Amino acid sequence: MDEKQDLVRILAANIAACRKSAGMTQAELAEKLGYSDKTVSKWERAEGLPDVLCLKRLADTFGVTADALLSLPGEEKEAAVPSGKDETASESHAGTGINHGAVAAIAMIGVWMLAGLVFLVGRFCQVDLTLALVIAIPVTGLLAVIFNSLWGVKKLTFWLCSFLVVGILFMLCWILRSYHVWQLMWIAPPAVAIIWISCRMLYRDNRGR
């Protein structure tokens, strides 16, 4: 029993040390793993244990091995900061985050550059191509939703999905403006409400794990 308690305390200390080393709060770590911050707090207070799959995800998140997180007291330092891997892992994760943000930004800026170019060509040719700018709105929203689902933060899902829906409705209203269908924008509030409820349900399911 004492050995088990020692192991629990070692794991708790290593999780806390790795989390702080990665510059994450308990809430941020919990969100990455799909758990509540209260659960992470229990782990760090040695009042609970993550399951095997979660332990593997913890190790991957921190860039260490599961064995390192469960190392014995004599190897506690090595667990929190694995030799020859800590700086590389941290730099890799940091670099990956920057690259992801850069890719998303470049893609969305590219959409507006292309739309602006089409619009300017239309002005030069005396053709109204404002539609290109209007289409860029939902396209930007779609890209934002896709990138956020791959690399982003779950808490932004509601806002990005809402932006996408409103952008699509605005585009439709603009295309059909000769038919005076701006009333379509009244669909936006209930659509946003549905998105909000769906996001809350998904977030609550994750917290309940």
C-alpha atoms as a PDB file:
ATOM      1  CA  MET A   1       0.000   0.000   0.000  1.00  0.00           C
ATOM      2  CA  ASP A   2       2.845   2.402   0.876  1.00  0.00           C
ATOM      3  CA  GLU A   3       4.495   1.724  -2.460  1.00  0.00           C
ATOM      4  CA  LYS A   4       1.246   2.489  -4.274  1.00  0.00           C
ATOM      5  CA  GLN A   5       0.808   5.741  -2.351  1.00  0.00           C
ATOM      6  CA  ASP A   6       4.397   6.717  -3.154  1.00  0.00           C
ATOM      7  CA  LEU A   7       3.728   6.055  -6.829  1.00  0.00           C
ATOM      8  CA  VAL A   8       0.569   8.175  -6.727  1.00  0.00           C
ATOM      9  CA  ARG A   9       2.471  11.041  -5.102  1.00  0.00           C
ATOM     10  CA  ILE A  10       5.285  10.779  -7.638  1.00  0.00           C
ATOM     11  CA  LEU A  11       2.810  10.881 -10.513  1.00  0.00           C
ATOM     12  CA  ALA A  12       1.038  13.849  -8.927  1.00  0.00           C
ATOM     13  CA  ALA A  13       4.296  15.760  -8.527  1.00  0.00           C
ATOM     14  CA  ASN A  14       5.409  14.959 -12.073  1.00  0.00           C
ATOM     15  CA  ILE A  15       2.100  16.024 -13.621  1.00  0.00           C
ATOM     16  CA  ALA A  16       2.251  19.345 -11.763  1.00  0.00           C
ATOM     17  CA  ALA A  17       5.918  19.889 -12.665  1.00  0.00           C
ATOM     18  CA  CYS A  18       5.435  19.066 -16.353  1.00  0.00           C
ATOM     19  CA  ARG A  19       2.310  21.201 -16.582  1.00  0.00           C
ATOM     20  CA  LYS A  20       4.067  24.218 -15.080  1.00  0.00           C
ATOM     21  CA  SER A  21       7.110  23.611 -17.259  1.00  0.00           C
ATOM     22  CA  ALA A  22       4.830  23.647 -20.313  1.00  0.00           C
ATOM     23  CA  GLY A  23       3.292  26.938 -19.136  1.00  0.00           C
ATOM     24  CA  MET A  24      -0.220  25.505 -18.899  1.00  0.00           C
ATOM     25  CA  THR A  25      -2.889  26.055 -16.290  1.00  0.00           C
ATOM     26  CA  GLN A  26      -4.900  23.178 -14.894  1.00  0.00           C
ATOM     27  CA  ALA A  27      -7.862  24.320 -16.979  1.00  0.00           C
ATOM     28  CA  GLU A  28      -5.798  24.376 -20.189  1.00  0.00           C
ATOM     29  CA  LEU A  29      -4.414  20.909 -19.539  1.00  0.00           C
ATOM     30  CA  ALA A  30      -7.893  19.624 -18.721  1.00  0.00           C
ATOM     31  CA  GLU A  31      -9.231  21.023 -21.985  1.00  0.00           C
ATOM     32  CA  LYS A  32      -6.514  19.319 -24.017  1.00  0.00           C
ATOM     33  CA  LEU A  33      -7.320  15.993 -22.377  1.00  0.00           C
ATOM     34  CA  GLY A  34     -11.095  16.386 -22.396  1.00  0.00           C
ATOM     35  CA  TYR A  35     -11.429  16.374 -18.619  1.00  0.00           C
ATOM     36  CA  SER A  36     -12.452  18.969 -16.050  1.00  0.00           C
ATOM     37  CA  ASP A  37      -9.933  21.138 -14.223  1.00  0.00           C
ATOM     38  CA  LYS A  38     -11.191  19.614 -10.960  1.00  0.00           C
ATOM     39  CA  THR A  39     -10.035  16.203 -12.171  1.00  0.00           C
ATOM     40  CA  VAL A  40      -6.565  17.541 -12.998  1.00  0.00           C
ATOM     41  CA  SER A  41      -6.454  19.184  -9.581  1.00  0.00           C
ATOM     42  CA  LYS A  42      -7.235  15.843  -7.935  1.00  0.00           C
ATOM     43  CA  TRP A  43      -4.416  14.185  -9.870  1.00  0.00           C
ATOM     44  CA  GLU A  44      -1.952  16.826  -8.722  1.00  0.00           C
ATOM     45  CA  ARG A  45      -3.121  16.486  -5.116  1.00  0.00           C
ATOM     46  CA  ALA A  46      -2.617  12.705  -5.344  1.00  0.00           C
ATOM     47  CA  GLU A  47      -6.323  12.181  -4.709  1.00  0.00           C
ATOM     48  CA  GLY A  48      -6.961  10.395  -7.982  1.00  0.00           C
ATOM     49  CA  LEU A  49      -5.261   8.613 -10.867  1.00  0.00           C
ATOM     50  CA  PRO A  50      -5.682   9.011 -14.636  1.00  0.00           C
ATOM     51  CA  ASP A  51      -6.542   5.858 -16.538  1.00  0.00           C
ATOM     52  CA  VAL A  52      -4.008   4.156 -18.804  1.00  0.00           C
ATOM     53  CA  LEU A  53      -5.124   5.918 -21.986  1.00  0.00           C
ATOM     54  CA  CYS A  54      -5.119   9.299 -20.264  1.00  0.00           C
ATOM     55  CA  LEU A  55      -1.671   8.611 -18.844  1.00  0.00           C
ATOM     56  CA  LYS A  56      -0.414   8.021 -22.396  1.00  0.00           C
ATOM     57  CA  ARG A  57      -2.037  11.277 -23.539  1.00  0.00           C
ATOM     58  CA  LEU A  58      -0.447  13.109 -20.619  1.00  0.00           C
ATOM     59  CA  ALA A  59       2.964  11.763 -21.573  1.00  0.00           C
ATOM     60  CA  ASP A  60       2.463  12.764 -25.229  1.00  0.00           C
ATOM     61  CA  THR A  61       1.286  16.238 -24.219  1.00  0.00           C
ATOM     62  CA  PHE A  62       4.362  16.838 -22.071  1.00  0.00           C
ATOM     63  CA  GLY A  63       6.787  15.184 -24.486  1.00  0.00           C
ATOM     64  CA  VAL A  64       7.893  12.544 -21.970  1.00  0.00           C
ATOM     65  CA  THR A  65       7.349   8.824 -21.562  1.00  0.00           C
ATOM     66  CA  ALA A  66       4.736   7.215 -19.331  1.00  0.00           C
ATOM     67  CA  ASP A  67       7.588   5.543 -17.447  1.00  0.00           C
ATOM     68  CA  ALA A  68       9.071   8.963 -16.737  1.00  0.00           C
ATOM     69  CA  LEU A  69       5.812  10.172 -15.224  1.00  0.00           C
ATOM     70  CA  LEU A  70       5.701   7.071 -13.021  1.00  0.00           C
ATOM     71  CA  SER A  71       9.387   7.062 -12.094  1.00  0.00           C
ATOM     72  CA  LEU A  72      10.491   6.208  -8.548  1.00  0.00           C
ATOM     73  CA  PRO A  73      11.686   8.913  -6.103  1.00  0.00           C
ATOM     74  CA  GLY A  74      15.313   8.540  -7.154  1.00  0.00           C
ATOM     75  CA  GLU A  75      14.351   9.347 -10.731  1.00  0.00           C
ATOM     76  CA  GLU A  76      11.891  12.132  -9.930  1.00  0.00           C
ATOM     77  CA  LYS A  77      14.027  14.815 -11.558  1.00  0.00           C
ATOM     78  CA  GLU A  78      14.427  12.786 -14.685  1.00  0.00           C
ATOM     79  CA  ALA A  79      10.668  12.263 -14.864  1.00  0.00           C
ATOM     80  CA  ALA A  80       9.815  15.929 -14.735  1.00  0.00           C
ATOM     81  CA  VAL A  81      12.596  16.950 -17.111  1.00  0.00           C
ATOM     82  CA  PRO A  82      13.751  13.959 -19.186  1.00  0.00           C
ATOM     83  CA  SER A  83      17.418  14.137 -20.173  1.00  0.00           C
ATOM     84  CA  GLY A  84      18.108  15.367 -23.670  1.00  0.00           C
ATOM     85  CA  LYS A  85      14.422  15.637 -24.484  1.00  0.00           C
ATOM     86  CA  ASP A  86      12.943  18.476 -22.472  1.00  0.00           C
ATOM     87  CA  GLU A  87      14.275  21.410 -24.469  1.00  0.00           C
ATOM     88  CA  THR A  88      13.748  19.678 -27.791  1.00  0.00           C
ATOM     89  CA  ALA A  89      10.191  18.714 -26.904  1.00  0.00           C
ATOM     90  CA  SER A  90       9.359  22.184 -25.611  1.00  0.00           C
ATOM     91  CA  GLU A  91      10.806  23.845 -28.668  1.00  0.00           C
ATOM     92  CA  SER A  92       9.005  21.375 -30.899  1.00  0.00           C
ATOM     93  CA  HIS A  93       5.641  22.028 -29.260  1.00  0.00           C
ATOM     94  CA  ALA A  94       6.185  25.774 -29.258  1.00  0.00           C
ATOM     95  CA  GLY A  95       7.287  25.717 -32.869  1.00  0.00           C
ATOM     96  CA  THR A  96       4.341  23.573 -33.852  1.00  0.00           C
ATOM     97  CA  GLY A  97       1.889  26.016 -32.268  1.00  0.00           C
ATOM     98  CA  ILE A  98       3.458  28.957 -34.090  1.00  0.00           C
ATOM     99  CA  ASN A  99       3.432  27.074 -37.380  1.00  0.00           C
ATOM    100  CA  HIS A 100      -0.218  26.146 -36.967  1.00  0.00           C
ATOM    101  CA  GLY A 101      -1.172  29.745 -36.287  1.00  0.00           C
ATOM    102  CA  ALA A 102       0.908  30.915 -39.229  1.00  0.00           C
ATOM    103  CA  VAL A 103      -0.704  28.400 -41.577  1.00  0.00           C
ATOM    104  CA  ALA A 104      -4.194  29.468 -40.494  1.00  0.00           C
ATOM    105  CA  ALA A 105      -3.353  33.164 -40.803  1.00  0.00           C
ATOM    106  CA  ILE A 106      -1.731  32.765 -44.223  1.00  0.00           C
ATOM    107  CA  ALA A 107      -4.701  30.764 -45.524  1.00  0.00           C
ATOM    108  CA  MET A 108      -7.273  33.338 -44.391  1.00  0.00           C
ATOM    109  CA  ILE A 109      -5.194  36.311 -45.528  1.00  0.00           C
ATOM    110  CA  GLY A 110      -4.793  34.552 -48.863  1.00  0.00           C
ATOM    111  CA  VAL A 111      -8.568  34.304 -49.215  1.00  0.00           C
ATOM    112  CA  TRP A 112      -8.957  38.058 -48.731  1.00  0.00           C
ATOM    113  CA  MET A 113      -6.035  38.861 -51.006  1.00  0.00           C
ATOM    114  CA  LEU A 114      -7.610  36.784 -53.760  1.00  0.00           C
ATOM    115  CA  ALA A 115     -11.026  38.330 -53.157  1.00  0.00           C
ATOM    116  CA  GLY A 116      -9.513  41.815 -53.171  1.00  0.00           C
ATOM    117  CA  LEU A 117      -7.653  41.088 -56.387  1.00  0.00           C
ATOM    118  CA  VAL A 118     -10.820  39.871 -58.088  1.00  0.00           C
ATOM    119  CA  PHE A 119     -12.685  42.950 -56.860  1.00  0.00           C
ATOM    120  CA  LEU A 120      -9.986  45.316 -58.153  1.00  0.00           C
ATOM    121  CA  VAL A 121      -9.891  43.573 -61.533  1.00  0.00           C
ATOM    122  CA  GLY A 122     -13.639  44.044 -61.701  1.00  0.00           C
ATOM    123  CA  ARG A 123     -13.295  47.746 -60.928  1.00  0.00           C
ATOM    124  CA  PHE A 124     -10.662  48.048 -63.649  1.00  0.00           C
ATOM    125  CA  CYS A 125     -12.962  46.297 -66.117  1.00  0.00           C
ATOM    126  CA  GLN A 126     -15.953  48.315 -64.845  1.00  0.00           C
ATOM    127  CA  VAL A 127     -17.668  45.160 -63.585  1.00  0.00           C
ATOM    128  CA  ASP A 128     -19.135  44.932 -60.094  1.00  0.00           C
ATOM    129  CA  LEU A 129     -17.388  41.974 -58.436  1.00  0.00           C
ATOM    130  CA  THR A 130     -18.246  42.892 -54.860  1.00  0.00           C
ATOM    131  CA  LEU A 131     -19.553  39.333 -54.561  1.00  0.00           C
ATOM    132  CA  ALA A 132     -15.950  38.141 -54.300  1.00  0.00           C
ATOM    133  CA  LEU A 133     -15.557  40.079 -51.044  1.00  0.00           C
ATOM    134  CA  VAL A 134     -18.896  38.798 -49.764  1.00  0.00           C
ATOM    135  CA  ILE A 135     -17.971  35.182 -50.501  1.00  0.00           C
ATOM    136  CA  ALA A 136     -14.682  35.687 -48.656  1.00  0.00           C
ATOM    137  CA  ILE A 137     -16.616  36.110 -45.389  1.00  0.00           C
ATOM    138  CA  PRO A 138     -18.060  32.561 -45.107  1.00  0.00           C
ATOM    139  CA  VAL A 139     -14.939  31.080 -46.676  1.00  0.00           C
ATOM    140  CA  THR A 140     -12.875  32.689 -43.923  1.00  0.00           C
ATOM    141  CA  GLY A 141     -15.320  31.340 -41.340  1.00  0.00           C
ATOM    142  CA  LEU A 142     -15.095  27.846 -42.813  1.00  0.00           C
ATOM    143  CA  LEU A 143     -11.298  27.899 -42.742  1.00  0.00           C
ATOM    144  CA  ALA A 144     -11.346  29.160 -39.157  1.00  0.00           C
ATOM    145  CA  VAL A 145     -13.672  26.339 -38.079  1.00  0.00           C
ATOM    146  CA  ILE A 146     -11.513  23.731 -39.830  1.00  0.00           C
ATOM    147  CA  PHE A 147      -8.238  25.000 -38.396  1.00  0.00           C
ATOM    148  CA  ASN A 148      -9.731  25.368 -34.935  1.00  0.00           C
ATOM    149  CA  SER A 149     -11.031  21.788 -35.014  1.00  0.00           C
ATOM    150  CA  LEU A 150      -7.533  20.578 -35.910  1.00  0.00           C
ATOM    151  CA  TRP A 151      -5.311  22.750 -33.745  1.00  0.00           C
ATOM    152  CA  GLY A 152      -7.371  25.310 -31.873  1.00  0.00           C
ATOM    153  CA  VAL A 153      -9.264  25.847 -28.631  1.00  0.00           C
ATOM    154  CA  LYS A 154     -12.656  24.254 -28.029  1.00  0.00           C
ATOM    155  CA  LYS A 155     -13.984  27.399 -26.370  1.00  0.00           C
ATOM    156  CA  LEU A 156     -13.703  29.238 -29.703  1.00  0.00           C
ATOM    157  CA  THR A 157     -15.875  26.694 -31.502  1.00  0.00           C
ATOM    158  CA  PHE A 158     -19.130  28.498 -30.699  1.00  0.00           C
ATOM    159  CA  TRP A 159     -17.897  31.883 -31.929  1.00  0.00           C
ATOM    160  CA  LEU A 160     -16.334  30.540 -35.110  1.00  0.00           C
ATOM    161  CA  CYS A 161     -19.345  28.386 -36.023  1.00  0.00           C
ATOM    162  CA  SER A 162     -21.649  31.328 -35.371  1.00  0.00           C
ATOM    163  CA  PHE A 163     -19.496  33.541 -37.596  1.00  0.00           C
ATOM    164  CA  LEU A 164     -19.653  30.907 -40.347  1.00  0.00           C
ATOM    165  CA  VAL A 165     -23.462  30.624 -40.174  1.00  0.00           C
ATOM    166  CA  VAL A 166     -23.979  34.398 -40.179  1.00  0.00           C
ATOM    167  CA  GLY A 167     -21.498  34.730 -43.047  1.00  0.00           C
ATOM    168  CA  ILE A 168     -23.361  32.141 -45.128  1.00  0.00           C
ATOM    169  CA  LEU A 169     -26.709  33.835 -44.490  1.00  0.00           C
ATOM    170  CA  PHE A 170     -25.265  37.245 -45.391  1.00  0.00           C
ATOM    171  CA  MET A 171     -23.814  35.821 -48.610  1.00  0.00           C
ATOM    172  CA  LEU A 172     -27.179  34.322 -49.575  1.00  0.00           C
ATOM    173  CA  CYS A 173     -28.948  37.599 -48.851  1.00  0.00           C
ATOM    174  CA  TRP A 174     -26.429  39.480 -50.970  1.00  0.00           C
ATOM    175  CA  ILE A 175     -26.724  37.072 -53.899  1.00  0.00           C
ATOM    176  CA  LEU A 176     -30.529  37.197 -53.748  1.00  0.00           C
ATOM    177  CA  ARG A 177     -30.746  40.896 -52.854  1.00  0.00           C
ATOM    178  CA  SER A 178     -32.834  41.651 -55.946  1.00  0.00           C
ATOM    179  CA  TYR A 179     -35.539  39.452 -54.405  1.00  0.00           C
ATOM    180  CA  HIS A 180     -35.431  41.383 -51.107  1.00  0.00           C
ATOM    181  CA  VAL A 181     -34.794  38.334 -48.964  1.00  0.00           C
ATOM    182  CA  TRP A 182     -32.873  40.065 -46.170  1.00  0.00           C
ATOM    183  CA  GLN A 183     -35.387  38.500 -43.820  1.00  0.00           C
ATOM    184  CA  LEU A 184     -33.212  35.387 -44.071  1.00  0.00           C
ATOM    185  CA  MET A 185     -30.959  37.019 -41.466  1.00  0.00           C
ATOM    186  CA  TRP A 186     -33.674  36.317 -38.913  1.00  0.00           C
ATOM    187  CA  ILE A 187     -32.532  32.694 -39.119  1.00  0.00           C
ATOM    188  CA  ALA A 188     -29.248  33.716 -37.508  1.00  0.00           C
ATOM    189  CA  PRO A 189     -30.435  34.074 -33.859  1.00  0.00           C
ATOM    190  CA  PRO A 190     -32.049  30.605 -33.598  1.00  0.00           C
ATOM    191  CA  ALA A 191     -29.139  29.067 -35.525  1.00  0.00           C
ATOM    192  CA  VAL A 192     -26.652  30.642 -33.114  1.00  0.00           C
ATOM    193  CA  ALA A 193     -28.764  29.435 -30.179  1.00  0.00           C
ATOM    194  CA  ILE A 194     -28.659  25.867 -31.527  1.00  0.00           C
ATOM    195  CA  ILE A 195     -24.867  26.110 -31.922  1.00  0.00           C
ATOM    196  CA  TRP A 196     -24.530  27.397 -28.352  1.00  0.00           C
ATOM    197  CA  ILE A 197     -26.654  24.571 -26.923  1.00  0.00           C
ATOM    198  CA  SER A 198     -24.713  21.981 -28.929  1.00  0.00           C
ATOM    199  CA  CYS A 199     -21.361  23.346 -27.762  1.00  0.00           C
ATOM    200  CA  ARG A 200     -22.541  23.397 -24.151  1.00  0.00           C
ATOM    201  CA  MET A 201     -23.704  19.789 -24.382  1.00  0.00           C
ATOM    202  CA  LEU A 202     -20.388  18.660 -25.884  1.00  0.00           C
ATOM    203  CA  TYR A 203     -18.393  20.584 -23.286  1.00  0.00           C
ATOM    204  CA  ARG A 204     -20.522  19.144 -20.466  1.00  0.00           C
ATOM    205  CA  ASP A 205     -19.973  15.604 -21.805  1.00  0.00           C
ATOM    206  CA  ASN A 206     -16.213  16.171 -21.790  1.00  0.00           C
ATOM    207  CA  ARG A 207     -16.272  17.533 -18.254  1.00  0.00           C
ATOM    208  CA  GLY A 208     -18.247  14.526 -17.107  1.00  0.00           C
ATOM    209  CA  ARG A 209     -15.634  12.036 -18.214  1.00  0.00           C
END
